[in-house]
Protein backbone atom coordinates (compact mmCIF):
# COMPACT_ATOMS: atom_id res chain seq x y z
CA MET A 1 3.12 0.90 -10.97
CA ARG A 2 4.98 -2.31 -10.56
CA ALA A 3 3.97 -4.92 -8.03
CA LYS A 4 7.55 -5.07 -6.72
CA GLY A 5 10.62 -2.85 -6.85
CA ASN A 6 8.92 0.53 -6.41
CA GLY A 7 11.40 1.56 -3.71
CA ARG A 8 14.45 1.41 -5.99
CA PRO A 9 15.80 4.90 -6.74
CA GLU A 10 15.79 4.35 -10.50
CA VAL A 11 12.12 3.33 -10.52
CA CYS A 12 11.20 6.26 -8.29
CA ALA A 13 13.01 8.67 -10.64
CA VAL A 14 11.26 7.28 -13.72
CA ASN A 15 7.87 7.53 -11.99
CA LEU A 16 8.69 11.09 -10.93
CA LEU A 17 9.52 12.09 -14.51
CA LYS A 18 6.10 10.83 -15.66
CA ILE A 19 4.24 13.27 -13.38
CA THR A 20 3.11 16.63 -14.74
CA ARG A 21 3.31 19.58 -12.37
CA GLY A 22 -0.05 20.09 -10.67
CA GLU A 23 -1.07 16.40 -10.65
CA VAL A 24 -0.13 15.73 -7.02
CA SER A 25 -2.84 17.22 -4.83
CA PHE A 26 -0.85 18.42 -1.84
CA ASP A 27 2.45 19.01 -3.63
CA ARG A 28 1.61 21.06 -6.72
CA ILE A 29 5.23 21.76 -7.74
CA ARG A 30 6.17 18.06 -7.94
CA GLY A 31 6.53 16.91 -11.53
CA ARG A 32 7.66 18.27 -14.87
CA ASP A 33 6.63 21.68 -16.14
CA ALA A 34 3.88 21.14 -18.73
CA SER A 35 4.30 24.64 -20.17
CA LEU A 36 7.59 23.52 -21.77
CA ILE A 37 5.98 20.74 -23.80
CA ASP A 38 4.81 22.70 -26.84
CA GLN A 39 7.42 25.43 -26.86
CA PRO A 40 9.97 25.40 -29.65
CA ASN A 41 13.60 25.45 -28.53
CA ALA A 42 12.75 24.74 -24.88
CA ALA A 43 15.20 21.84 -24.56
CA ASP A 44 17.57 23.74 -22.25
CA GLU A 45 14.76 24.84 -19.92
CA ASP A 46 13.34 21.29 -19.91
CA ALA A 47 16.75 19.81 -19.08
CA ALA A 48 17.17 22.29 -16.21
CA ASP A 49 13.66 21.44 -14.97
CA VAL A 50 14.40 17.70 -15.04
CA GLU A 51 17.69 18.23 -13.21
CA TRP A 52 15.99 20.36 -10.53
CA LEU A 53 13.17 17.83 -10.16
CA LEU A 54 15.50 14.91 -9.59
CA GLN A 55 17.79 16.84 -7.23
CA THR A 56 14.83 17.99 -5.17
CA TYR A 57 12.67 14.86 -5.00
CA GLU A 58 15.06 11.99 -5.69
CA PRO A 59 18.51 12.86 -4.33
CA ARG A 60 19.57 9.18 -4.44
CA VAL A 61 20.21 9.39 -8.21
CA ASP A 62 22.27 11.52 -10.56
CA ALA A 63 20.84 12.65 -13.88
CA GLU A 64 23.46 12.50 -16.58
CA ALA A 65 23.31 12.97 -20.34
CA LEU A 66 20.05 14.88 -20.57
CA ALA A 67 18.97 15.06 -24.21
CA ALA A 68 15.84 15.97 -26.10
CA ASP A 69 14.71 13.65 -28.86
CA ALA A 70 12.03 15.02 -31.18
CA ASP A 71 10.26 13.55 -34.17
CA ALA A 72 8.04 16.49 -35.09
CA ARG A 73 6.30 14.76 -37.96
CA ALA A 74 5.05 11.96 -35.74
CA GLY A 75 4.45 14.30 -32.80
CA ASP A 76 6.80 12.37 -30.53
CA PHE A 77 8.91 14.40 -28.13
CA ASP A 78 11.03 12.62 -25.55
CA THR A 79 13.54 13.62 -22.94
CA ILE A 80 16.25 11.02 -22.57
CA VAL A 81 17.81 10.92 -19.12
CA ASP A 82 20.64 8.61 -18.07
CA ILE A 83 19.83 7.85 -14.43
CA THR A 84 22.59 6.45 -12.24
CA ARG A 85 22.47 5.64 -8.56
CA ARG A 86 24.82 7.71 -6.41
CA LYS A 87 27.83 5.85 -5.06
CA GLU A 88 26.98 6.46 -1.41
CA ASP A 89 23.47 5.04 -1.91
CA GLU A 90 24.41 1.88 -3.84
CA GLU A 91 23.42 -1.38 -2.24
CA THR A 92 26.15 -3.88 -1.57
């Protein structure tokens, strides 16, 4: 966690996407679904899960341009999410 700026919606959304479902003791459905990690062709389900997660737990942001980036040889699998703050929640 950062020393400052943890209340910004973008930072909260990024922190939320780093949580795996089941990690939060009293809120077991918060986080991303770990069962989608090793499944082939699960990009659509993962994108829907990320969209649901952000709509449910961080309504101050919009998730746009969800994409899966995979380098199978290196074992790197990433979900790229373009996070933008909603217009009604922008600070002036």
